[in-house]
Amino acid sequence: MIYNKYLYWISTISLFSLLILTGIFYMVYYEKLVLYFENYDYPIYLIYPLAIAKIAGSLVVLFYKKSRLKELAYAGFFFNFVLAFFAHVMIGEFDPFPTIFMTLLVISYVTGKKKGR
């Protein structure tokens, strides 16, 4: 179905361009992120590796056709979003971004499987 193709590209480009931007912001605004991570009791040494993983995983999903590496990138983002959602829930707040990102991820993955990526 032609809608799957458009839905795949819209969700994929939207999500992974935002993730690349987020990874860049993690590096540029490191000092502000330290406070954010400390609020969630996360170790601050995770900021740079998480930024690199977001950028690298996004590039893999966007530019690799069919590979296990692409599947691993999708899985890594899935766990990242689930854990981010519960991190917010555990401190009693609701952040819509993990939910939005998870929705885009599922749409991208499912429609990508249907179109044969």
PDB file of N, CA and C in Angstrom:
ATOM      1  N   MET A   1       0.841  -1.179   0.000  1.00  0.00           N
ATOM      2  CA  MET A   1       0.000   0.000   0.000  1.00  0.00           C
ATOM      3  C   MET A   1       0.892   1.251   0.000  1.00  0.00           C
ATOM      4  N   ILE A   2       0.532   2.214  -0.782  1.00  0.00           N
ATOM      5  CA  ILE A   2       1.362   3.409  -0.949  1.00  0.00           C
ATOM      6  C   ILE A   2       1.429   4.248   0.328  1.00  0.00           C
ATOM      7  N   TYR A   3       0.376   4.165   1.154  1.00  0.00           N
ATOM      8  CA  TYR A   3       0.376   4.928   2.403  1.00  0.00           C
ATOM      9  C   TYR A   3       1.464   4.452   3.358  1.00  0.00           C
ATOM     10  N   ASN A   4       1.751   3.153   3.328  1.00  0.00           N
ATOM     11  CA  ASN A   4       2.800   2.615   4.182  1.00  0.00           C
ATOM     12  C   ASN A   4       4.146   3.261   3.887  1.00  0.00           C
ATOM     13  N   LYS A   5       4.426   3.463   2.615  1.00  0.00           N
ATOM     14  CA  LYS A   5       5.693   4.069   2.212  1.00  0.00           C
ATOM     15  C   LYS A   5       5.813   5.487   2.769  1.00  0.00           C
ATOM     16  N   TYR A   6       4.752   6.277   2.611  1.00  0.00           N
ATOM     17  CA  TYR A   6       4.783   7.655   3.117  1.00  0.00           C
ATOM     18  C   TYR A   6       4.806   7.688   4.638  1.00  0.00           C
ATOM     19  N   LEU A   7       4.012   6.824   5.249  1.00  0.00           N
ATOM     20  CA  LEU A   7       3.978   6.758   6.703  1.00  0.00           C
ATOM     21  C   LEU A   7       5.343   6.351   7.258  1.00  0.00           C
ATOM     22  N   TYR A   8       5.993   5.406   6.589  1.00  0.00           N
ATOM     23  CA  TYR A   8       7.325   4.984   7.001  1.00  0.00           C
ATOM     24  C   TYR A   8       8.309   6.157   6.950  1.00  0.00           C
ATOM     25  N   TRP A   9       8.356   6.844   5.819  1.00  0.00           N
ATOM     26  CA  TRP A   9       9.355   7.905   5.676  1.00  0.00           C
ATOM     27  C   TRP A   9       9.061   9.113   6.564  1.00  0.00           C
ATOM     28  N   ILE A  10       7.803   9.451   6.721  1.00  0.00           N
ATOM     29  CA  ILE A  10       7.461  10.584   7.594  1.00  0.00           C
ATOM     30  C   ILE A  10       7.831  10.269   9.040  1.00  0.00           C
ATOM     31  N   SER A  11       7.441   9.106   9.531  1.00  0.00           N
ATOM     32  CA  SER A  11       7.750   8.741  10.920  1.00  0.00           C
ATOM     33  C   SER A  11       9.248   8.553  11.122  1.00  0.00           C
ATOM     34  N   THR A  12       9.911   7.925  10.178  1.00  0.00           N
ATOM     35  CA  THR A  12      11.339   7.642  10.325  1.00  0.00           C
ATOM     36  C   THR A  12      12.166   8.919  10.289  1.00  0.00           C
ATOM     37  N   ILE A  13      11.930   9.766   9.312  1.00  0.00           N
ATOM     38  CA  ILE A  13      12.709  11.001   9.214  1.00  0.00           C
ATOM     39  C   ILE A  13      12.403  11.921  10.389  1.00  0.00           C
ATOM     40  N   SER A  14      11.133  12.008  10.782  1.00  0.00           N
ATOM     41  CA  SER A  14      10.770  12.849  11.932  1.00  0.00           C
ATOM     42  C   SER A  14      11.480  12.385  13.195  1.00  0.00           C
ATOM     43  N   LEU A  15      11.357  11.105  13.501  1.00  0.00           N
ATOM     44  CA  LEU A  15      11.924  10.573  14.737  1.00  0.00           C
ATOM     45  C   LEU A  15      13.437  10.662  14.758  1.00  0.00           C
ATOM     46  N   PHE A  16      14.078  10.166  13.723  1.00  0.00           N
ATOM     47  CA  PHE A  16      15.525  10.046  13.791  1.00  0.00           C
ATOM     48  C   PHE A  16      16.248  11.365  13.552  1.00  0.00           C
ATOM     49  N   SER A  17      15.611  12.315  12.887  1.00  0.00           N
ATOM     50  CA  SER A  17      16.215  13.651  12.824  1.00  0.00           C
ATOM     51  C   SER A  17      16.119  14.328  14.188  1.00  0.00           C
ATOM     52  N   LEU A  18      15.011  14.114  14.904  1.00  0.00           N
ATOM     53  CA  LEU A  18      14.897  14.641  16.268  1.00  0.00           C
ATOM     54  C   LEU A  18      15.916  13.996  17.205  1.00  0.00           C
ATOM     55  N   LEU A  19      16.154  12.709  17.028  1.00  0.00           N
ATOM     56  CA  LEU A  19      17.129  12.022  17.874  1.00  0.00           C
ATOM     57  C   LEU A  19      18.552  12.490  17.589  1.00  0.00           C
ATOM     58  N   ILE A  20      18.868  12.740  16.341  1.00  0.00           N
ATOM     59  CA  ILE A  20      20.184  13.287  16.008  1.00  0.00           C
ATOM     60  C   ILE A  20      20.339  14.661  16.643  1.00  0.00           C
ATOM     61  N   LEU A  21      19.307  15.470  16.551  1.00  0.00           N
ATOM     62  CA  LEU A  21      19.321  16.793  17.169  1.00  0.00           C
ATOM     63  C   LEU A  21      19.479  16.683  18.683  1.00  0.00           C
ATOM     64  N   THR A  22      18.780  15.746  19.289  1.00  0.00           N
ATOM     65  CA  THR A  22      18.897  15.524  20.734  1.00  0.00           C
ATOM     66  C   THR A  22      20.318  15.133  21.110  1.00  0.00           C
ATOM     67  N   GLY A  23      20.916  14.246  20.323  1.00  0.00           N
ATOM     68  CA  GLY A  23      22.304  13.848  20.588  1.00  0.00           C
ATOM     69  C   GLY A  23      23.255  15.024  20.514  1.00  0.00           C
ATOM     70  N   ILE A  24      23.040  15.899  19.549  1.00  0.00           N
ATOM     71  CA  ILE A  24      23.886  17.093  19.430  1.00  0.00           C
ATOM     72  C   ILE A  24      23.660  18.015  20.625  1.00  0.00           C
ATOM     73  N   PHE A  25      22.401  18.190  21.028  1.00  0.00           N
ATOM     74  CA  PHE A  25      22.107  19.027  22.195  1.00  0.00           C
ATOM     75  C   PHE A  25      22.737  18.465  23.460  1.00  0.00           C
ATOM     76  N   TYR A  26      22.795  17.140  23.586  1.00  0.00           N
ATOM     77  CA  TYR A  26      23.434  16.523  24.745  1.00  0.00           C
ATOM     78  C   TYR A  26      24.894  16.962  24.843  1.00  0.00           C
ATOM     79  N   MET A  27      25.541  17.097  23.702  1.00  0.00           N
ATOM     80  CA  MET A  27      26.953  17.494  23.711  1.00  0.00           C
ATOM     81  C   MET A  27      27.120  19.001  23.902  1.00  0.00           C
ATOM     82  N   VAL A  28      26.266  19.784  23.273  1.00  0.00           N
ATOM     83  CA  VAL A  28      26.392  21.236  23.319  1.00  0.00           C
ATOM     84  C   VAL A  28      25.961  21.791  24.680  1.00  0.00           C
ATOM     85  N   TYR A  29      24.866  21.292  25.211  1.00  0.00           N
ATOM     86  CA  TYR A  29      24.322  21.789  26.479  1.00  0.00           C
ATOM     87  C   TYR A  29      24.592  20.827  27.628  1.00  0.00           C
ATOM     88  N   TYR A  30      25.795  20.345  27.695  1.00  0.00           N
ATOM     89  CA  TYR A  30      26.192  19.356  28.691  1.00  0.00           C
ATOM     90  C   TYR A  30      25.896  19.831  30.110  1.00  0.00           C
ATOM     91  N   GLU A  31      26.247  21.057  30.439  1.00  0.00           N
ATOM     92  CA  GLU A  31      26.085  21.559  31.808  1.00  0.00           C
ATOM     93  C   GLU A  31      24.617  21.572  32.242  1.00  0.00           C
ATOM     94  N   LYS A  32      23.728  21.939  31.353  1.00  0.00           N
ATOM     95  CA  LYS A  32      22.297  21.932  31.687  1.00  0.00           C
ATOM     96  C   LYS A  32      21.782  20.514  31.846  1.00  0.00           C
ATOM     97  N   LEU A  33      22.323  19.609  31.050  1.00  0.00           N
ATOM     98  CA  LEU A  33      21.896  18.219  31.128  1.00  0.00           C
ATOM     99  C   LEU A  33      22.364  17.544  32.407  1.00  0.00           C
ATOM    100  N   VAL A  34      23.477  17.996  32.952  1.00  0.00           N
ATOM    101  CA  VAL A  34      23.967  17.440  34.212  1.00  0.00           C
ATOM    102  C   VAL A  34      22.896  17.604  35.292  1.00  0.00           C
ATOM    103  N   LEU A  35      22.295  18.769  35.377  1.00  0.00           N
ATOM    104  CA  LEU A  35      21.240  19.012  36.369  1.00  0.00           C
ATOM    105  C   LEU A  35      20.029  18.119  36.115  1.00  0.00           C
ATOM    106  N   TYR A  36      19.689  17.970  34.864  1.00  0.00           N
ATOM    107  CA  TYR A  36      18.565  17.125  34.476  1.00  0.00           C
ATOM    108  C   TYR A  36      18.832  15.666  34.872  1.00  0.00           C
ATOM    109  N   PHE A  37      20.003  15.177  34.582  1.00  0.00           N
ATOM    110  CA  PHE A  37      20.355  13.794  34.917  1.00  0.00           C
ATOM    111  C   PHE A  37      20.419  13.592  36.424  1.00  0.00           C
ATOM    112  N   GLU A  38      20.938  14.562  37.144  1.00  0.00           N
ATOM    113  CA  GLU A  38      21.003  14.456  38.602  1.00  0.00           C
ATOM    114  C   GLU A  38      19.610  14.432  39.211  1.00  0.00           C
ATOM    115  N   ASN A  39      18.667  15.138  38.607  1.00  0.00           N
ATOM    116  CA  ASN A  39      17.282  15.140  39.087  1.00  0.00           C
ATOM    117  C   ASN A  39      16.675  13.742  39.015  1.00  0.00           C
ATOM    118  N   TYR A  40      17.082  12.965  38.021  1.00  0.00           N
ATOM    119  CA  TYR A  40      16.594  11.595  37.857  1.00  0.00           C
ATOM    120  C   TYR A  40      17.510  10.560  38.513  1.00  0.00           C
ATOM    121  N   ASP A  41      18.522  11.020  39.207  1.00  0.00           N
ATOM    122  CA  ASP A  41      19.513  10.136  39.840  1.00  0.00           C
ATOM    123  C   ASP A  41      20.239   9.246  38.839  1.00  0.00           C
ATOM    124  N   TYR A  42      20.428   9.760  37.622  1.00  0.00           N
ATOM    125  CA  TYR A  42      21.230   9.056  36.631  1.00  0.00           C
ATOM    126  C   TYR A  42      22.672   9.503  36.771  1.00  0.00           C
ATOM    127  N   PRO A  43      23.611   8.611  36.524  1.00  0.00           N
ATOM    128  CA  PRO A  43      25.023   9.040  36.533  1.00  0.00           C
ATOM    129  C   PRO A  43      25.312   9.939  35.332  1.00  0.00           C
ATOM    130  N   ILE A  44      26.033  11.012  35.579  1.00  0.00           N
ATOM    131  CA  ILE A  44      26.266  11.983  34.510  1.00  0.00           C
ATOM    132  C   ILE A  44      27.235  11.481  33.447  1.00  0.00           C
ATOM    133  N   TYR A  45      27.998  10.445  33.763  1.00  0.00           N
ATOM    134  CA  TYR A  45      28.915   9.915  32.749  1.00  0.00           C
ATOM    135  C   TYR A  45      28.175   9.238  31.598  1.00  0.00           C
ATOM    136  N   LEU A  46      26.864   9.091  31.700  1.00  0.00           N
ATOM    137  CA  LEU A  46      26.080   8.499  30.611  1.00  0.00           C
ATOM    138  C   LEU A  46      25.726   9.499  29.515  1.00  0.00           C
ATOM    139  N   ILE A  47      25.924  10.792  29.767  1.00  0.00           N
ATOM    140  CA  ILE A  47      25.469  11.807  28.822  1.00  0.00           C
ATOM    141  C   ILE A  47      26.146  11.660  27.458  1.00  0.00           C
ATOM    142  N   TYR A  48      27.465  11.635  27.429  1.00  0.00           N
ATOM    143  CA  TYR A  48      28.162  11.542  26.137  1.00  0.00           C
ATOM    144  C   TYR A  48      27.931  10.207  25.428  1.00  0.00           C
ATOM    145  N   PRO A  49      28.024   9.066  26.122  1.00  0.00           N
ATOM    146  CA  PRO A  49      27.732   7.807  25.412  1.00  0.00           C
ATOM    147  C   PRO A  49      26.300   7.735  24.889  1.00  0.00           C
ATOM    148  N   LEU A  50      25.346   8.281  25.645  1.00  0.00           N
ATOM    149  CA  LEU A  50      23.968   8.287  25.172  1.00  0.00           C
ATOM    150  C   LEU A  50      23.817   9.183  23.950  1.00  0.00           C
ATOM    151  N   ALA A  51      24.498  10.311  23.939  1.00  0.00           N
ATOM    152  CA  ALA A  51      24.455  11.215  22.777  1.00  0.00           C
ATOM    153  C   ALA A  51      25.027  10.528  21.546  1.00  0.00           C
ATOM    154  N   ILE A  52      26.158   9.875  21.712  1.00  0.00           N
ATOM    155  CA  ILE A  52      26.796   9.178  20.590  1.00  0.00           C
ATOM    156  C   ILE A  52      25.909   8.030  20.103  1.00  0.00           C
ATOM    157  N   ALA A  53      25.300   7.299  21.033  1.00  0.00           N
ATOM    158  CA  ALA A  53      24.428   6.184  20.664  1.00  0.00           C
ATOM    159  C   ALA A  53      23.189   6.675  19.907  1.00  0.00           C
ATOM    160  N   LYS A  54      22.632   7.811  20.326  1.00  0.00           N
ATOM    161  CA  LYS A  54      21.460   8.351  19.622  1.00  0.00           C
ATOM    162  C   LYS A  54      21.813   8.748  18.191  1.00  0.00           C
ATOM    163  N   ILE A  55      22.951   9.389  18.025  1.00  0.00           N
ATOM    164  CA  ILE A  55      23.361   9.820  16.688  1.00  0.00           C
ATOM    165  C   ILE A  55      23.714   8.613  15.818  1.00  0.00           C
ATOM    166  N   ALA A  56      24.534   7.715  16.348  1.00  0.00           N
ATOM    167  CA  ALA A  56      24.965   6.551  15.570  1.00  0.00           C
ATOM    168  C   ALA A  56      23.787   5.641  15.219  1.00  0.00           C
ATOM    169  N   GLY A  57      22.915   5.380  16.203  1.00  0.00           N
ATOM    170  CA  GLY A  57      21.749   4.530  15.945  1.00  0.00           C
ATOM    171  C   GLY A  57      20.810   5.139  14.922  1.00  0.00           C
ATOM    172  N   SER A  58      20.643   6.443  14.988  1.00  0.00           N
ATOM    173  CA  SER A  58      19.782   7.123  14.015  1.00  0.00           C
ATOM    174  C   SER A  58      20.354   7.021  12.607  1.00  0.00           C
ATOM    175  N   LEU A  59      21.653   7.199  12.481  1.00  0.00           N
ATOM    176  CA  LEU A  59      22.291   7.097  11.165  1.00  0.00           C
ATOM    177  C   LEU A  59      22.183   5.682  10.612  1.00  0.00           C
ATOM    178  N   VAL A  60      22.294   4.689  11.486  1.00  0.00           N
ATOM    179  CA  VAL A  60      22.151   3.299  11.048  1.00  0.00           C
ATOM    180  C   VAL A  60      20.742   3.061  10.507  1.00  0.00           C
ATOM    181  N   VAL A  61      19.734   3.511  11.240  1.00  0.00           N
ATOM    182  CA  VAL A  61      18.350   3.293  10.798  1.00  0.00           C
ATOM    183  C   VAL A  61      18.073   4.037   9.494  1.00  0.00           C
ATOM    184  N   LEU A  62      18.588   5.240   9.373  1.00  0.00           N
ATOM    185  CA  LEU A  62      18.302   6.039   8.179  1.00  0.00           C
ATOM    186  C   LEU A  62      19.025   5.549   6.929  1.00  0.00           C
ATOM    187  N   PHE A  63      20.234   5.000   7.073  1.00  0.00           N
ATOM    188  CA  PHE A  63      21.041   4.736   5.887  1.00  0.00           C
ATOM    189  C   PHE A  63      21.335   3.265   5.598  1.00  0.00           C
ATOM    190  N   TYR A  64      21.090   2.359   6.522  1.00  0.00           N
ATOM    191  CA  TYR A  64      21.291   0.944   6.242  1.00  0.00           C
ATOM    192  C   TYR A  64      20.001   0.366   5.684  1.00  0.00           C
ATOM    193  N   LYS A  65      20.115  -0.490   4.706  1.00  0.00           N
ATOM    194  CA  LYS A  65      18.910  -1.092   4.126  1.00  0.00           C
ATOM    195  C   LYS A  65      18.383  -2.206   5.030  1.00  0.00           C
ATOM    196  N   LYS A  66      18.954  -3.373   4.917  1.00  0.00           N
ATOM    197  CA  LYS A  66      18.538  -4.508   5.740  1.00  0.00           C
ATOM    198  C   LYS A  66      19.760  -5.036   6.456  1.00  0.00           C
ATOM    199  N   SER A  67      19.714  -5.020   7.762  1.00  0.00           N
ATOM    200  CA  SER A  67      20.838  -5.585   8.511  1.00  0.00           C
ATOM    201  C   SER A  67      20.426  -5.838   9.945  1.00  0.00           C
ATOM    202  N   ARG A  68      21.195  -6.658  10.588  1.00  0.00           N
ATOM    203  CA  ARG A  68      20.970  -6.919  12.015  1.00  0.00           C
ATOM    204  C   ARG A  68      21.280  -5.678  12.831  1.00  0.00           C
ATOM    205  N   LEU A  69      22.215  -4.900  12.357  1.00  0.00           N
ATOM    206  CA  LEU A  69      22.573  -3.667  13.053  1.00  0.00           C
ATOM    207  C   LEU A  69      21.379  -2.711  13.122  1.00  0.00           C
ATOM    208  N   LYS A  70      20.604  -2.658  12.061  1.00  0.00           N
ATOM    209  CA  LYS A  70      19.402  -1.817  12.040  1.00  0.00           C
ATOM    210  C   LYS A  70      18.377  -2.331  13.043  1.00  0.00           C
ATOM    211  N   GLU A  71      18.210  -3.639  13.109  1.00  0.00           N
ATOM    212  CA  GLU A  71      17.291  -4.230  14.088  1.00  0.00           C
ATOM    213  C   GLU A  71      17.756  -3.927  15.513  1.00  0.00           C
ATOM    214  N   LEU A  72      19.055  -4.004  15.746  1.00  0.00           N
ATOM    215  CA  LEU A  72      19.586  -3.689  17.069  1.00  0.00           C
ATOM    216  C   LEU A  72      19.371  -2.219  17.420  1.00  0.00           C
ATOM    217  N   ALA A  73      19.495  -1.346  16.445  1.00  0.00           N
ATOM    218  CA  ALA A  73      19.261   0.076  16.684  1.00  0.00           C
ATOM    219  C   ALA A  73      17.804   0.315  17.071  1.00  0.00           C
ATOM    220  N   TYR A  74      16.885  -0.307  16.356  1.00  0.00           N
ATOM    221  CA  TYR A  74      15.470  -0.190  16.713  1.00  0.00           C
ATOM    222  C   TYR A  74      15.229  -0.710  18.135  1.00  0.00           C
ATOM    223  N   ALA A  75      15.822  -1.854  18.466  1.00  0.00           N
ATOM    224  CA  ALA A  75      15.647  -2.425  19.802  1.00  0.00           C
ATOM    225  C   ALA A  75      16.224  -1.498  20.875  1.00  0.00           C
ATOM    226  N   GLY A  76      17.390  -0.947  20.605  1.00  0.00           N
ATOM    227  CA  GLY A  76      18.001  -0.026  21.562  1.00  0.00           C
ATOM    228  C   GLY A  76      17.144   1.201  21.806  1.00  0.00           C
ATOM    229  N   PHE A  77      16.579   1.759  20.750  1.00  0.00           N
ATOM    230  CA  PHE A  77      15.698   2.914  20.914  1.00  0.00           C
ATOM    231  C   PHE A  77      14.415   2.525  21.642  1.00  0.00           C
ATOM    232  N   PHE A  78      13.914   1.330  21.377  1.00  0.00           N
ATOM    233  CA  PHE A  78      12.722   0.864  22.082  1.00  0.00           C
ATOM    234  C   PHE A  78      12.963   0.856  23.590  1.00  0.00           C
ATOM    235  N   PHE A  79      14.067   0.253  24.008  1.00  0.00           N
ATOM    236  CA  PHE A  79      14.369   0.192  25.440  1.00  0.00           C
ATOM    237  C   PHE A  79      14.661   1.584  26.010  1.00  0.00           C
ATOM    238  N   ASN A  80      15.316   2.414  25.235  1.00  0.00           N
ATOM    239  CA  ASN A  80      15.583   3.779  25.678  1.00  0.00           C
ATOM    240  C   ASN A  80      14.283   4.523  25.973  1.00  0.00           C
ATOM    241  N   PHE A  81      13.305   4.417  25.084  1.00  0.00           N
ATOM    242  CA  PHE A  81      12.049   5.136  25.267  1.00  0.00           C
ATOM    243  C   PHE A  81      11.212   4.560  26.405  1.00  0.00           C
ATOM    244  N   VAL A  82      11.213   3.237  26.536  1.00  0.00           N
ATOM    245  CA  VAL A  82      10.477   2.612  27.645  1.00  0.00           C
ATOM    246  C   VAL A  82      11.078   3.051  28.979  1.00  0.00           C
ATOM    247  N   LEU A  83      12.394   3.005  29.066  1.00  0.00           N
ATOM    248  CA  LEU A  83      13.056   3.407  30.315  1.00  0.00           C
ATOM    249  C   LEU A  83      12.885   4.895  30.589  1.00  0.00           C
ATOM    250  N   ALA A  84      12.900   5.723  29.553  1.00  0.00           N
ATOM    251  CA  ALA A  84      12.673   7.158  29.737  1.00  0.00           C
ATOM    252  C   ALA A  84      11.260   7.418  30.235  1.00  0.00           C
ATOM    253  N   PHE A  85      10.288   6.707  29.678  1.00  0.00           N
ATOM    254  CA  PHE A  85       8.906   6.862  30.128  1.00  0.00           C
ATOM    255  C   PHE A  85       8.791   6.542  31.613  1.00  0.00           C
ATOM    256  N   PHE A  86       9.343   5.399  32.029  1.00  0.00           N
ATOM    257  CA  PHE A  86       9.232   5.004  33.428  1.00  0.00           C
ATOM    258  C   PHE A  86      10.086   5.859  34.357  1.00  0.00           C
ATOM    259  N   ALA A  87      11.157   6.428  33.863  1.00  0.00           N
ATOM    260  CA  ALA A  87      11.947   7.353  34.678  1.00  0.00           C
ATOM    261  C   ALA A  87      11.106   8.563  35.061  1.00  0.00           C
ATOM    262  N   HIS A  88      10.333   9.059  34.116  1.00  0.00           N
ATOM    263  CA  HIS A  88       9.457  10.196  34.398  1.00  0.00           C
ATOM    264  C   HIS A  88       8.323   9.794  35.337  1.00  0.00           C
ATOM    265  N   VAL A  89       7.749   8.624  35.109  1.00  0.00           N
ATOM    266  CA  VAL A  89       6.653   8.150  35.956  1.00  0.00           C
ATOM    267  C   VAL A  89       7.137   7.969  37.403  1.00  0.00           C
ATOM    268  N   MET A  90       8.336   7.450  37.581  1.00  0.00           N
ATOM    269  CA  MET A  90       8.844   7.164  38.918  1.00  0.00           C
ATOM    270  C   MET A  90       9.076   8.427  39.755  1.00  0.00           C
ATOM    271  N   ILE A  91       9.287   9.569  39.120  1.00  0.00           N
ATOM    272  CA  ILE A  91       9.442  10.792  39.914  1.00  0.00           C
ATOM    273  C   ILE A  91       8.155  11.612  39.913  1.00  0.00           C
ATOM    274  N   GLY A  92       7.086  11.030  39.391  1.00  0.00           N
ATOM    275  CA  GLY A  92       5.780  11.652  39.478  1.00  0.00           C
ATOM    276  C   GLY A  92       5.489  12.733  38.459  1.00  0.00           C
ATOM    277  N   GLU A  93       6.096  12.656  37.283  1.00  0.00           N
ATOM    278  CA  GLU A  93       5.799  13.632  36.247  1.00  0.00           C
ATOM    279  C   GLU A  93       5.472  12.912  34.947  1.00  0.00           C
ATOM    280  N   PHE A  94       4.841  13.642  34.057  1.00  0.00           N
ATOM    281  CA  PHE A  94       4.559  13.079  32.742  1.00  0.00           C
ATOM    282  C   PHE A  94       5.241  13.936  31.694  1.00  0.00           C
ATOM    283  N   ASP A  95       6.109  13.315  30.927  1.00  0.00           N
ATOM    284  CA  ASP A  95       6.765  13.966  29.798  1.00  0.00           C
ATOM    285  C   ASP A  95       6.230  13.285  28.539  1.00  0.00           C
ATOM    286  N   PRO A  96       5.620  14.031  27.634  1.00  0.00           N
ATOM    287  CA  PRO A  96       5.015  13.395  26.462  1.00  0.00           C
ATOM    288  C   PRO A  96       6.022  12.864  25.437  1.00  0.00           C
ATOM    289  N   PHE A  97       7.271  13.328  25.497  1.00  0.00           N
ATOM    290  CA  PHE A  97       8.223  12.963  24.453  1.00  0.00           C
ATOM    291  C   PHE A  97       8.548  11.473  24.371  1.00  0.00           C
ATOM    292  N   PRO A  98       8.782  10.768  25.479  1.00  0.00           N
ATOM    293  CA  PRO A  98       9.009   9.319  25.314  1.00  0.00           C
ATOM    294  C   PRO A  98       7.831   8.606  24.669  1.00  0.00           C
ATOM    295  N   THR A  99       6.617   9.040  24.987  1.00  0.00           N
ATOM    296  CA  THR A  99       5.431   8.418  24.396  1.00  0.00           C
ATOM    297  C   THR A  99       5.331   8.740  22.906  1.00  0.00           C
ATOM    298  N   ILE A 100       5.575   9.995  22.554  1.00  0.00           N
ATOM    299  CA  ILE A 100       5.541  10.396  21.143  1.00  0.00           C
ATOM    300  C   ILE A 100       6.631   9.667  20.361  1.00  0.00           C
ATOM    301  N   PHE A 101       7.841   9.629  20.930  1.00  0.00           N
ATOM    302  CA  PHE A 101       8.954   8.962  20.256  1.00  0.00           C
ATOM    303  C   PHE A 101       8.676   7.470  20.098  1.00  0.00           C
ATOM    304  N   MET A 102       8.084   6.840  21.122  1.00  0.00           N
ATOM    305  CA  MET A 102       7.772   5.410  21.035  1.00  0.00           C
ATOM    306  C   MET A 102       6.736   5.162  19.942  1.00  0.00           C
ATOM    307  N   THR A 103       5.747   6.022  19.852  1.00  0.00           N
ATOM    308  CA  THR A 103       4.723   5.886  18.806  1.00  0.00           C
ATOM    309  C   THR A 103       5.351   5.988  17.424  1.00  0.00           C
ATOM    310  N   LEU A 104       6.205   6.991  17.227  1.00  0.00           N
ATOM    311  CA  LEU A 104       6.886   7.142  15.937  1.00  0.00           C
ATOM    312  C   LEU A 104       7.786   5.949  15.637  1.00  0.00           C
ATOM    313  N   LEU A 105       8.449   5.428  16.670  1.00  0.00           N
ATOM    314  CA  LEU A 105       9.324   4.269  16.489  1.00  0.00           C
ATOM    315  C   LEU A 105       8.529   3.048  16.039  1.00  0.00           C
ATOM    316  N   VAL A 106       7.413   2.791  16.689  1.00  0.00           N
ATOM    317  CA  VAL A 106       6.585   1.627  16.331  1.00  0.00           C
ATOM    318  C   VAL A 106       6.036   1.783  14.918  1.00  0.00           C
ATOM    319  N   ILE A 107       5.562   2.993  14.578  1.00  0.00           N
ATOM    320  CA  ILE A 107       5.055   3.227  13.221  1.00  0.00           C
ATOM    321  C   ILE A 107       6.172   3.007  12.199  1.00  0.00           C
ATOM    322  N   SER A 108       7.353   3.546  12.471  1.00  0.00           N
ATOM    323  CA  SER A 108       8.484   3.387  11.559  1.00  0.00           C
ATOM    324  C   SER A 108       8.853   1.919  11.390  1.00  0.00           C
ATOM    325  N   TYR A 109       8.918   1.197  12.480  1.00  0.00           N
ATOM    326  CA  TYR A 109       9.326  -0.210  12.424  1.00  0.00           C
ATOM    327  C   TYR A 109       8.297  -1.066  11.688  1.00  0.00           C
ATOM    328  N   VAL A 110       7.032  -0.917  12.064  1.00  0.00           N
ATOM    329  CA  VAL A 110       5.977  -1.752  11.479  1.00  0.00           C
ATOM    330  C   VAL A 110       5.795  -1.443   9.994  1.00  0.00           C
ATOM    331  N   THR A 111       5.727  -0.173   9.639  1.00  0.00           N
ATOM    332  CA  THR A 111       5.554   0.161   8.221  1.00  0.00           C
ATOM    333  C   THR A 111       6.812  -0.173   7.416  1.00  0.00           C
ATOM    334  N   GLY A 112       7.969  -0.103   8.056  1.00  0.00           N
ATOM    335  CA  GLY A 112       9.206  -0.499   7.385  1.00  0.00           C
ATOM    336  C   GLY A 112       9.225  -1.985   7.090  1.00  0.00           C
ATOM    337  N   LYS A 113       8.705  -2.770   8.005  1.00  0.00           N
ATOM    338  CA  LYS A 113       8.618  -4.220   7.776  1.00  0.00           C
ATOM    339  C   LYS A 113       7.648  -4.526   6.636  1.00  0.00           C
ATOM    340  N   LYS A 114       6.549  -3.783   6.583  1.00  0.00           N
ATOM    341  CA  LYS A 114       5.550  -4.032   5.546  1.00  0.00           C
ATOM    342  C   LYS A 114       6.054  -3.640   4.171  1.00  0.00           C
ATOM    343  N   LYS A 115       6.844  -2.578   4.093  1.00  0.00           N
ATOM    344  CA  LYS A 115       7.323  -2.132   2.778  1.00  0.00           C
ATOM    345  C   LYS A 115       8.606  -2.844   2.372  1.00  0.00           C
ATOM    346  N   GLY A 116       9.168  -3.651   3.295  1.00  0.00           N
ATOM    347  CA  GLY A 116      10.357  -4.399   2.987  1.00  0.00           C
ATOM    348  C   GLY A 116      11.627  -3.605   3.133  1.00  0.00           C
ATOM    349  N   ARG A 117      11.541  -2.450   3.749  1.00  0.00           N
ATOM    350  CA  ARG A 117      12.687  -1.555   4.002  1.00  0.00           C
ATOM    351  C   ARG A 117      13.679  -1.691   2.911  1.00  0.00           C
TER     352      ARG A 117
END
